[in-house]
C-alpha cells in the first residue's frame, strides 16, 4: 500500500512559532524602539521638513490653507527685515473664482492686521483636488501676471517639504526661484510623539508627501 500512496499523498514537517515566542519578540521590538526613539522620531519628523532657505526675494507667500497666526507673524517679521516688499496670502474663493470668500477673507484680514503686515494682497483660490497642486497652479498664474521671479514660501513645518516639492515642480521651468521657511508651534520634529495630535499630523503629512512624490507630481502634474 505504501507504494501507491506516495503518488497521491505526501508528508511534510513544519515548524511554527509559539504564542510565547511571538509575544516575546513583540516585547523586544517595543523595547528596542523605545531605546532608539531619539533617533527615529527626529529622523521621521525632519524628513517632512524643507531645508530653510532665506534670501531677498520679490514676494513672501503665506500658505494659508489651514489658517495659522504664526505664519502671518513670521511673514511680517521677514517683511520688516527687508526680505521682500510684498506678501501674498491665498484665500478660499467664492462661487466667483475672482472674488474671495467673505469668511476666508475676513480671517486673513484679522491675522494680517494683528501681525502688522505691511503691503500685502490676497489670491482667491478654488479648492479642487488635489488641493495643493491645483492651488499651486493658480498661484503660479498670479505670479506670472506680476512677473515674480523669486519668492519665499512661509508654511507649516511638517507640510513644508511637500509644499517645496510642488512649487519647485511648477515654477522652476519658468525661472522662478522658490525658497522655503518652515514654521513650528509646540510640535517639533523632535517632539511630535508627545501628543496624539502631533502623531496624527506627522502620519498624515508623511502619507501626503509620498502621495505627491510618487503619484501627483510624476503623473497628474505631467499631464496637466
Protein backbone atom coordinates (compact mmCIF):
# COMPACT_ATOMS: atom_id res chain seq x y z
CA UNK A 1 0.00 0.00 0.00
CA UNK A 2 2.86 2.35 0.80
CA UNK A 3 4.00 2.21 -2.81
CA UNK A 4 0.82 3.59 -4.37
CA UNK A 5 0.07 6.10 -1.55
CA UNK A 6 3.14 8.17 -2.43
CA UNK A 7 1.51 9.03 -5.80
CA UNK A 8 -1.44 10.75 -4.04
CA UNK A 9 -0.21 11.86 -0.62
CA UNK A 10 2.94 13.17 0.98
CA UNK A 11 4.09 14.01 4.50
CA UNK A 12 5.56 17.42 5.34
CA UNK A 13 7.20 18.54 8.54
CA UNK A 14 6.67 22.20 9.52
CA UNK A 15 7.86 24.35 12.41
CA UNK A 16 5.67 27.13 13.78
CA UNK A 17 6.37 29.68 16.44
CA UNK A 18 4.52 29.54 19.73
CA UNK A 19 2.44 32.37 21.16
CA UNK A 20 5.08 32.83 23.86
CA UNK A 21 7.76 33.44 21.22
CA UNK A 22 5.56 35.94 19.35
CA UNK A 23 4.80 37.92 22.48
CA UNK A 24 8.47 37.84 23.42
CA UNK A 25 9.52 39.20 20.03
CA UNK A 26 6.89 41.94 20.25
CA UNK A 27 8.26 42.99 23.64
CA UNK A 28 11.81 43.03 22.24
CA UNK A 29 10.75 45.20 19.27
CA UNK A 30 8.93 47.65 21.55
CA UNK A 31 11.93 47.77 23.89
CA UNK A 32 14.39 48.43 21.06
CA UNK A 33 12.03 51.07 19.60
CA UNK A 34 11.85 52.83 22.97
CA UNK A 35 15.64 52.79 23.38
CA UNK A 36 16.27 54.20 19.89
CA UNK A 37 13.31 56.62 19.84
CA UNK A 38 15.63 59.62 19.91
CA UNK A 39 16.98 58.55 16.52
CA UNK A 40 13.91 57.55 14.52
CA UNK A 41 11.47 60.11 15.95
CA UNK A 42 13.66 63.03 14.86
CA UNK A 43 14.52 61.39 11.54
CA UNK A 44 10.88 60.89 10.59
CA UNK A 45 9.98 64.43 11.63
CA UNK A 46 12.86 66.03 9.76
CA UNK A 47 12.07 64.03 6.60
CA UNK A 48 8.89 66.13 6.22
CA UNK A 49 10.62 69.49 6.61
CA UNK A 50 12.18 71.54 3.81
CA UNK A 51 15.65 72.99 4.23
CA UNK A 52 15.25 76.62 5.42
CA UNK A 53 16.39 78.93 2.66
CA UNK A 54 16.10 82.69 3.15
CA UNK A 55 17.35 85.35 0.78
CA UNK A 56 15.98 88.64 -0.59
CA UNK A 57 13.03 87.85 -2.87
CA UNK A 58 10.23 89.54 -4.79
CA UNK A 59 7.41 88.31 -2.54
CA UNK A 60 6.62 86.25 0.54
CA UNK A 61 3.88 83.65 0.10
CA UNK A 62 1.95 82.70 3.24
CA UNK A 63 0.45 79.23 2.80
CA UNK A 64 -2.92 79.98 4.30
CA UNK A 65 -4.76 76.74 3.50
CA UNK A 66 -5.07 75.97 7.23
CA UNK A 67 -5.04 79.47 8.76
CA UNK A 68 -2.34 79.86 11.40
CA UNK A 69 -1.34 83.12 13.03
CA UNK A 70 2.34 82.13 13.41
CA UNK A 71 2.67 82.13 9.61
CA UNK A 72 1.41 85.71 9.38
CA UNK A 73 3.62 86.72 12.28
CA UNK A 74 6.66 85.20 10.62
CA UNK A 75 5.86 86.78 7.26
CA UNK A 76 5.54 90.19 8.94
CA UNK A 77 8.94 89.73 10.61
CA UNK A 78 10.58 88.79 7.31
CA UNK A 79 8.97 91.76 5.57
CA UNK A 80 10.18 94.16 8.26
CA UNK A 81 13.67 92.66 7.97
CA UNK A 82 13.67 93.64 4.28
CA UNK A 83 13.48 90.12 2.86
CA UNK A 84 10.64 91.04 0.47
CA UNK A 85 8.49 94.14 -0.04
CA UNK A 86 5.15 92.34 -0.52
CA UNK A 87 3.24 89.44 0.98
CA UNK A 88 0.73 87.24 -0.87
CA UNK A 89 -1.95 85.29 1.00
CA UNK A 90 -4.05 82.60 -0.73
CA UNK A 91 -7.68 82.58 0.47
CA UNK A 92 -10.65 80.44 -0.48
CA UNK A 93 -12.59 81.77 -3.45
CA UNK A 94 -16.33 82.39 -3.51
CA UNK A 95 -18.53 80.92 -6.30
CA UNK A 96 -17.00 83.68 -8.44
CA UNK A 97 -13.35 82.49 -8.79
CA UNK A 98 -12.09 86.07 -8.89
CA UNK A 99 -13.72 87.03 -5.58
CA UNK A 100 -12.53 85.88 -2.16
CA UNK A 101 -14.87 84.03 0.18
CA UNK A 102 -16.00 86.61 2.79
CA UNK A 103 -15.19 84.37 5.77
CA UNK A 104 -11.76 83.34 4.48
CA UNK A 105 -11.05 86.95 3.56
CA UNK A 106 -12.10 88.19 6.99
CA UNK A 107 -9.86 85.69 8.81
CA UNK A 108 -6.87 86.66 6.67
CA UNK A 109 -7.51 90.37 7.28
CA UNK A 110 -7.69 89.90 11.05
CA UNK A 111 -4.46 87.90 11.15
CA UNK A 112 -2.65 90.33 8.84
CA UNK A 113 -3.79 93.26 10.96
CA UNK A 114 -2.75 91.60 14.22
CA UNK A 115 0.65 90.68 12.77
CA UNK A 116 1.03 94.27 11.47
CA UNK A 117 1.83 93.19 7.95
CA UNK A 118 2.66 95.99 5.54
CA UNK A 119 1.93 95.69 1.81
CA UNK A 120 0.01 92.51 1.09
CA UNK A 121 -2.62 91.07 -1.24
CA UNK A 122 -4.97 88.10 -1.35
CA UNK A 123 -5.10 85.43 -4.05
CA UNK A 124 -8.55 83.76 -4.34
CA UNK A 125 -8.06 80.01 -4.71
CA UNK A 126 -10.60 77.43 -5.87
CA UNK A 127 -10.20 74.26 -3.81
CA UNK A 128 -10.01 71.42 -6.34
CA UNK A 129 -8.49 68.01 -5.52
CA UNK A 130 -5.58 67.55 -5.23
CA UNK A 131 -5.82 70.88 -3.44
CA UNK A 132 -2.10 71.69 -3.02
CA UNK A 133 -1.31 71.04 -6.68
CA UNK A 134 -4.28 72.96 -8.10
CA UNK A 135 -3.74 75.82 -5.67
CA UNK A 136 -0.12 75.99 -6.81
CA UNK A 137 -1.25 76.20 -10.46
CA UNK A 138 -3.49 79.16 -9.61
CA UNK A 139 -0.73 80.84 -7.59
CA UNK A 140 1.69 80.29 -10.47
CA UNK A 141 -0.66 82.12 -12.84
CA UNK A 142 -0.88 85.05 -10.41
CA UNK A 143 2.91 85.19 -10.04
CA UNK A 144 3.34 85.13 -13.82
CA UNK A 145 0.98 88.10 -14.24
CA UNK A 146 3.01 90.07 -11.71
CA UNK A 147 6.36 88.93 -13.17
CA UNK A 148 7.54 87.47 -9.85
CA UNK A 149 10.91 85.75 -10.22
CA UNK A 150 11.59 84.75 -6.61
CA UNK A 151 9.51 84.00 -3.54
CA UNK A 152 9.79 82.70 -0.01
CA UNK A 153 7.08 80.22 1.00
CA UNK A 154 6.22 80.52 4.69
CA UNK A 155 4.41 77.33 5.63
CA UNK A 156 3.73 74.83 8.38
CA UNK A 157 6.82 72.81 9.25
CA UNK A 158 5.58 69.28 8.61
CA UNK A 159 3.89 70.36 5.39
CA UNK A 160 6.92 72.27 4.12
CA UNK A 161 8.72 69.56 2.13
CA UNK A 162 5.55 68.74 0.20
CA UNK A 163 4.93 72.44 -0.50
CA UNK A 164 8.52 72.96 -1.62
CA UNK A 165 8.26 69.93 -3.92
CA UNK A 166 5.07 71.20 -5.55
CA UNK A 167 6.13 74.83 -6.06
CA UNK A 168 9.53 73.91 -7.42
CA UNK A 169 7.99 71.41 -9.84
CA UNK A 170 5.70 74.15 -11.20
CA UNK A 171 7.94 77.21 -11.04
CA UNK A 172 11.49 76.05 -11.77
CA UNK A 173 10.87 75.77 -15.51
CA UNK A 174 9.68 79.36 -15.59
CA UNK A 175 12.84 80.59 -13.89
CA UNK A 176 11.18 81.48 -10.58
CA UNK A 177 13.36 80.84 -7.54
CA UNK A 178 11.47 79.12 -4.71
CA UNK A 179 12.71 79.37 -1.14
CA UNK A 180 11.19 77.78 1.93
CA UNK A 181 10.74 78.86 5.54
CA UNK A 182 9.16 76.13 7.74
CA UNK A 183 7.38 77.20 10.92
CA UNK A 184 6.55 75.15 14.00
CA UNK A 185 4.32 75.66 17.01
CA UNK A 186 4.60 73.39 20.02
CA UNK A 187 5.02 70.27 17.88
CA UNK A 188 8.57 69.98 16.55
CA UNK A 189 10.42 67.26 14.60
CA UNK A 190 11.99 66.00 17.83
CA UNK A 191 8.80 66.07 19.95
CA UNK A 192 5.92 65.12 17.65
CA UNK A 193 5.21 61.93 19.61
CA UNK A 194 4.45 63.90 22.78
CA UNK A 195 0.78 64.27 21.83
CA UNK A 196 -1.80 62.37 19.82
CA UNK A 197 -2.35 65.47 17.68
CA UNK A 198 1.36 65.54 16.79
CA UNK A 199 1.36 61.85 15.85
CA UNK A 200 -1.76 62.34 13.72
CA UNK A 201 -0.25 65.36 11.95
CA UNK A 202 3.06 63.62 11.15
CA UNK A 203 1.41 60.41 9.93
CA UNK A 204 -0.98 62.39 7.72
CA UNK A 205 1.77 64.59 6.28
CA UNK A 206 4.05 61.58 5.70
CA UNK A 207 1.35 59.83 3.66
CA UNK A 208 0.54 63.01 1.72
CA UNK A 209 4.21 63.58 0.93
CA UNK A 210 4.53 60.10 -0.54
CA UNK A 211 1.28 60.57 -2.49
CA UNK A 212 2.57 63.79 -4.05
CA UNK A 213 6.09 62.50 -4.56
CA UNK A 214 5.19 59.21 -6.27
CA UNK A 215 1.81 59.91 -7.89
CA UNK A 216 0.73 63.55 -8.11
CA UNK A 217 3.99 65.04 -9.41
CA UNK A 218 5.03 62.19 -11.78
CA UNK A 219 1.55 61.57 -13.23
CA UNK A 220 -1.09 64.26 -12.55
CA UNK A 221 1.30 67.20 -12.85
CA UNK A 222 2.93 65.95 -16.06
CA UNK A 223 -0.46 65.53 -17.72
CA UNK A 224 -1.96 68.85 -16.54
